[in-house]
Amino acid sequence: MTTTDDFRFHAHELIVDLDAATTEMMTLISAHQLSGPEWERVTQWQHEAYERWMTYLNERSYPDPGQTTDKQ
């Protein structure tokens, strides 16, 4: 796999987890379950999934526009 493919694959995994956590949180909100152990579990999951996503995005290094990676 290329670096781009690796990035996309891992990014997709992180987004799927974040989406699942957010969906579960919204389900609890719709059911007016805004406290208790299930709420605590889901909000912690959503928070950690978001932090993993942001950490992954921020650790990536991107070349400056117009910069080439070809070595001559």
N, C-alpha and C. Protein backbone atom coordinates (compact mmCIF):
# COMPACT_ATOMS: atom_id res chain seq x y z
N MET A 1 0.83 -1.18 0.00
CA MET A 1 0.00 0.00 0.00
C MET A 1 0.88 1.25 0.00
N THR A 2 0.36 2.29 -0.61
CA THR A 2 1.07 3.56 -0.62
C THR A 2 0.80 4.30 0.69
N THR A 3 1.56 5.33 0.92
CA THR A 3 1.36 6.15 2.11
C THR A 3 -0.05 6.74 2.11
N THR A 4 -0.52 7.16 0.95
CA THR A 4 -1.87 7.71 0.85
C THR A 4 -2.91 6.66 1.20
N ASP A 5 -2.71 5.45 0.70
CA ASP A 5 -3.64 4.36 1.02
C ASP A 5 -3.63 4.05 2.51
N ASP A 6 -2.44 4.03 3.10
CA ASP A 6 -2.33 3.79 4.54
C ASP A 6 -3.08 4.86 5.33
N PHE A 7 -2.87 6.12 4.91
CA PHE A 7 -3.56 7.22 5.58
C PHE A 7 -5.07 7.06 5.48
N ARG A 8 -5.56 6.80 4.29
CA ARG A 8 -7.00 6.65 4.09
C ARG A 8 -7.57 5.48 4.88
N PHE A 9 -6.85 4.36 4.90
CA PHE A 9 -7.33 3.18 5.61
C PHE A 9 -7.47 3.48 7.10
N HIS A 10 -6.42 4.03 7.70
CA HIS A 10 -6.47 4.31 9.14
C HIS A 10 -7.47 5.43 9.44
N ALA A 11 -7.52 6.44 8.60
CA ALA A 11 -8.49 7.53 8.79
C ALA A 11 -9.90 6.98 8.75
N HIS A 12 -10.16 6.07 7.83
CA HIS A 12 -11.50 5.47 7.73
C HIS A 12 -11.85 4.71 9.02
N GLU A 13 -10.90 3.95 9.55
CA GLU A 13 -11.15 3.23 10.80
C GLU A 13 -11.50 4.20 11.93
N LEU A 14 -10.76 5.28 12.03
CA LEU A 14 -11.00 6.25 13.09
C LEU A 14 -12.34 6.96 12.91
N ILE A 15 -12.69 7.29 11.67
CA ILE A 15 -13.96 7.96 11.40
C ILE A 15 -15.13 7.04 11.71
N VAL A 16 -15.01 5.77 11.37
CA VAL A 16 -16.08 4.80 11.66
C VAL A 16 -16.31 4.73 13.17
N ASP A 17 -15.23 4.67 13.95
CA ASP A 17 -15.37 4.61 15.40
C ASP A 17 -15.98 5.90 15.95
N LEU A 18 -15.52 7.05 15.47
CA LEU A 18 -16.08 8.32 15.92
C LEU A 18 -17.55 8.43 15.55
N ASP A 19 -17.90 8.01 14.36
CA ASP A 19 -19.30 8.06 13.93
C ASP A 19 -20.17 7.15 14.79
N ALA A 20 -19.68 5.96 15.10
CA ALA A 20 -20.45 5.03 15.94
C ALA A 20 -20.66 5.61 17.33
N ALA A 21 -19.63 6.20 17.90
CA ALA A 21 -19.74 6.79 19.23
C ALA A 21 -20.71 7.97 19.22
N THR A 22 -20.62 8.81 18.21
CA THR A 22 -21.51 9.97 18.11
C THR A 22 -22.95 9.53 17.90
N THR A 23 -23.16 8.52 17.08
CA THR A 23 -24.51 8.00 16.85
C THR A 23 -25.09 7.45 18.14
N GLU A 24 -24.29 6.71 18.89
CA GLU A 24 -24.77 6.17 20.17
C GLU A 24 -25.11 7.29 21.14
N MET A 25 -24.30 8.34 21.14
CA MET A 25 -24.57 9.48 22.01
C MET A 25 -25.89 10.16 21.60
N MET A 26 -26.09 10.34 20.32
CA MET A 26 -27.33 10.96 19.84
C MET A 26 -28.55 10.10 20.16
N THR A 27 -28.38 8.79 20.14
CA THR A 27 -29.47 7.88 20.51
C THR A 27 -29.85 8.09 21.97
N LEU A 28 -28.86 8.21 22.83
CA LEU A 28 -29.15 8.46 24.24
C LEU A 28 -29.81 9.82 24.44
N ILE A 29 -29.36 10.82 23.72
CA ILE A 29 -29.97 12.14 23.82
C ILE A 29 -31.43 12.08 23.40
N SER A 30 -31.71 11.39 22.31
CA SER A 30 -33.10 11.25 21.85
C SER A 30 -33.98 10.55 22.87
N ALA A 31 -33.37 9.65 23.63
CA ALA A 31 -34.12 8.91 24.66
C ALA A 31 -34.10 9.64 26.01
N HIS A 32 -33.57 10.86 26.03
CA HIS A 32 -33.48 11.68 27.25
C HIS A 32 -32.70 10.97 28.36
N GLN A 33 -31.69 10.21 27.98
CA GLN A 33 -30.83 9.52 28.95
C GLN A 33 -29.51 10.28 29.03
N LEU A 34 -29.51 11.36 29.77
CA LEU A 34 -28.35 12.25 29.82
C LEU A 34 -27.55 12.10 31.10
N SER A 35 -27.73 11.00 31.79
CA SER A 35 -26.95 10.73 33.00
C SER A 35 -26.92 9.23 33.23
N GLY A 36 -26.08 8.85 34.16
CA GLY A 36 -25.97 7.44 34.50
C GLY A 36 -24.77 6.77 33.85
N PRO A 37 -24.55 5.51 34.18
CA PRO A 37 -23.36 4.82 33.70
C PRO A 37 -23.29 4.67 32.18
N GLU A 38 -24.42 4.46 31.52
CA GLU A 38 -24.41 4.33 30.05
C GLU A 38 -24.02 5.66 29.40
N TRP A 39 -24.55 6.76 29.91
CA TRP A 39 -24.20 8.08 29.40
C TRP A 39 -22.70 8.34 29.60
N GLU A 40 -22.20 8.02 30.78
CA GLU A 40 -20.78 8.21 31.06
C GLU A 40 -19.91 7.38 30.12
N ARG A 41 -20.29 6.14 29.90
CA ARG A 41 -19.53 5.26 29.01
C ARG A 41 -19.50 5.82 27.59
N VAL A 42 -20.66 6.24 27.09
CA VAL A 42 -20.76 6.70 25.70
C VAL A 42 -20.07 8.05 25.52
N THR A 43 -20.22 8.95 26.48
CA THR A 43 -19.54 10.25 26.33
C THR A 43 -18.02 10.08 26.40
N GLN A 44 -17.55 9.16 27.22
CA GLN A 44 -16.11 8.89 27.27
C GLN A 44 -15.63 8.29 25.95
N TRP A 45 -16.39 7.35 25.41
CA TRP A 45 -16.06 6.73 24.12
C TRP A 45 -15.99 7.79 23.02
N GLN A 46 -17.01 8.66 22.97
CA GLN A 46 -17.06 9.69 21.94
C GLN A 46 -15.88 10.65 22.09
N HIS A 47 -15.59 11.04 23.31
CA HIS A 47 -14.48 11.96 23.57
C HIS A 47 -13.15 11.33 23.13
N GLU A 48 -12.93 10.08 23.51
CA GLU A 48 -11.67 9.41 23.15
C GLU A 48 -11.56 9.18 21.65
N ALA A 49 -12.67 8.85 21.00
CA ALA A 49 -12.65 8.65 19.54
C ALA A 49 -12.30 9.97 18.84
N TYR A 50 -12.87 11.07 19.32
CA TYR A 50 -12.56 12.38 18.76
C TYR A 50 -11.07 12.72 18.96
N GLU A 51 -10.57 12.47 20.16
CA GLU A 51 -9.16 12.75 20.44
C GLU A 51 -8.24 11.92 19.57
N ARG A 52 -8.57 10.64 19.35
CA ARG A 52 -7.75 9.79 18.47
C ARG A 52 -7.75 10.35 17.05
N TRP A 53 -8.92 10.78 16.57
CA TRP A 53 -9.05 11.34 15.23
C TRP A 53 -8.19 12.60 15.09
N MET A 54 -8.32 13.52 16.05
CA MET A 54 -7.57 14.77 15.98
C MET A 54 -6.07 14.53 16.12
N THR A 55 -5.67 13.64 16.98
CA THR A 55 -4.25 13.32 17.14
C THR A 55 -3.69 12.77 15.84
N TYR A 56 -4.42 11.88 15.20
CA TYR A 56 -3.97 11.30 13.94
C TYR A 56 -3.81 12.39 12.87
N LEU A 57 -4.79 13.27 12.76
CA LEU A 57 -4.70 14.34 11.76
C LEU A 57 -3.53 15.27 12.05
N ASN A 58 -3.32 15.59 13.30
CA ASN A 58 -2.27 16.55 13.66
C ASN A 58 -0.86 15.96 13.60
N GLU A 59 -0.73 14.65 13.65
CA GLU A 59 0.61 14.06 13.59
C GLU A 59 1.09 13.88 12.16
N ARG A 60 0.20 14.01 11.21
CA ARG A 60 0.56 13.85 9.81
C ARG A 60 1.39 15.04 9.36
N SER A 61 2.38 14.80 8.53
CA SER A 61 3.13 15.90 7.94
C SER A 61 2.77 15.96 6.46
N TYR A 62 2.47 17.13 6.01
CA TYR A 62 2.04 17.34 4.64
C TYR A 62 3.08 18.21 3.93
N PRO A 63 3.45 17.85 2.71
CA PRO A 63 4.39 18.71 1.97
C PRO A 63 3.74 20.04 1.63
N ASP A 64 4.56 21.06 1.54
CA ASP A 64 4.05 22.37 1.12
C ASP A 64 3.55 22.27 -0.31
N PRO A 65 2.49 23.02 -0.64
CA PRO A 65 2.01 23.01 -2.03
C PRO A 65 3.14 23.38 -2.98
N GLY A 66 3.26 22.65 -4.05
CA GLY A 66 4.30 22.91 -5.03
C GLY A 66 5.62 22.24 -4.74
N GLN A 67 5.77 21.71 -3.54
CA GLN A 67 7.01 21.03 -3.18
C GLN A 67 7.01 19.65 -3.82
N THR A 68 8.11 19.29 -4.44
CA THR A 68 8.21 17.98 -5.06
C THR A 68 8.99 17.05 -4.15
N THR A 69 8.70 15.78 -4.29
CA THR A 69 9.42 14.79 -3.51
C THR A 69 10.43 14.04 -4.36
N ASP A 70 10.52 14.43 -5.65
CA ASP A 70 11.47 13.77 -6.55
C ASP A 70 12.89 14.21 -6.20
N LYS A 71 13.78 13.25 -6.16
CA LYS A 71 15.19 13.56 -5.92
C LYS A 71 15.94 13.34 -7.22
N GLN A 72 16.77 14.31 -7.57
CA GLN A 72 17.53 14.20 -8.82
C GLN A 72 18.99 14.06 -8.53
